[in-house]
């Protein structure tokens, strides 16, 4: 939970399941990770994975 940043967020672009945002510091750089749980009985999908463009907020840290 400590890497959680935002979500659930409605996927208005694709009309799919809700999106969740996480962040992780790797080698001193913050990485932005956006996932969706996907459709029932299918795996989680990584929508976006890149260095963060802005400082992220972690409500549970």
Protein backbone atom coordinates (compact mmCIF):
# COMPACT_ATOMS: atom_id res chain seq x y z
CA UNK A 1 0.00 0.00 0.00
CA UNK A 2 2.86 2.42 0.58
CA UNK A 3 3.51 2.68 -3.20
CA UNK A 4 -0.16 3.50 -3.88
CA UNK A 5 -0.72 7.01 -5.26
CA UNK A 6 -4.22 7.24 -6.83
CA UNK A 7 -7.27 5.24 -7.77
CA UNK A 8 -9.65 3.97 -8.64
CA UNK A 9 -9.87 6.28 -11.66
CA UNK A 10 -12.46 5.71 -14.39
CA UNK A 11 -10.94 4.71 -17.73
CA UNK A 12 -12.80 7.23 -19.87
CA UNK A 13 -10.44 6.76 -22.86
CA UNK A 14 -10.93 3.02 -23.34
CA UNK A 15 -14.10 2.47 -21.31
CA UNK A 16 -12.41 -0.41 -19.47
CA UNK A 17 -12.04 -1.24 -15.80
CA UNK A 18 -10.79 1.38 -13.32
CA UNK A 19 -7.15 2.49 -13.35
CA UNK A 20 -4.77 2.54 -10.38
CA UNK A 21 -1.59 4.63 -10.04
CA UNK A 22 1.50 3.54 -8.11
CA UNK A 23 5.02 4.91 -7.78
CA UNK A 24 8.34 3.34 -6.95
CA UNK A 25 11.78 4.81 -6.45
CA UNK A 26 14.38 2.93 -8.48
CA UNK A 27 18.03 3.99 -8.35
CA UNK A 28 17.04 7.41 -7.04
CA UNK A 29 14.40 8.11 -9.70
CA UNK A 30 10.65 8.01 -9.20
CA UNK A 31 8.82 5.64 -11.57
CA UNK A 32 5.13 6.14 -12.45
CA UNK A 33 3.11 2.92 -12.85
CA UNK A 34 -0.49 2.83 -14.08
CA UNK A 35 -2.37 -0.49 -14.10
CA UNK A 36 -5.86 -1.84 -14.65
CA UNK A 37 -7.17 -5.09 -13.24
CA UNK A 38 -8.40 -5.99 -16.72
CA UNK A 39 -11.51 -7.96 -17.52
CA UNK A 40 -12.71 -10.73 -15.17
CA UNK A 41 -10.57 -13.90 -15.37
CA UNK A 42 -7.77 -12.05 -17.22
CA UNK A 43 -4.44 -10.77 -15.88
CA UNK A 44 -3.67 -7.27 -14.65
CA UNK A 45 -2.53 -4.94 -17.45
CA UNK A 46 0.25 -2.36 -17.17
CA UNK A 47 -1.00 0.74 -19.01
CA UNK A 48 1.98 3.03 -18.38
CA UNK A 49 5.44 2.62 -16.87
CA UNK A 50 7.94 5.50 -17.04
CA UNK A 51 9.89 8.05 -15.00
CA UNK A 52 7.45 10.40 -13.29
CA UNK A 53 6.99 13.79 -14.95
CA UNK A 54 5.93 15.38 -11.64
CA UNK A 55 6.44 14.58 -7.95
CA UNK A 56 3.92 11.95 -6.87
CA UNK A 57 1.75 11.93 -3.75
CA UNK A 58 1.58 8.78 -1.58
CA UNK A 59 -1.31 8.99 0.90
CA UNK A 60 -0.23 5.89 2.87
CA UNK A 61 3.50 6.67 3.30
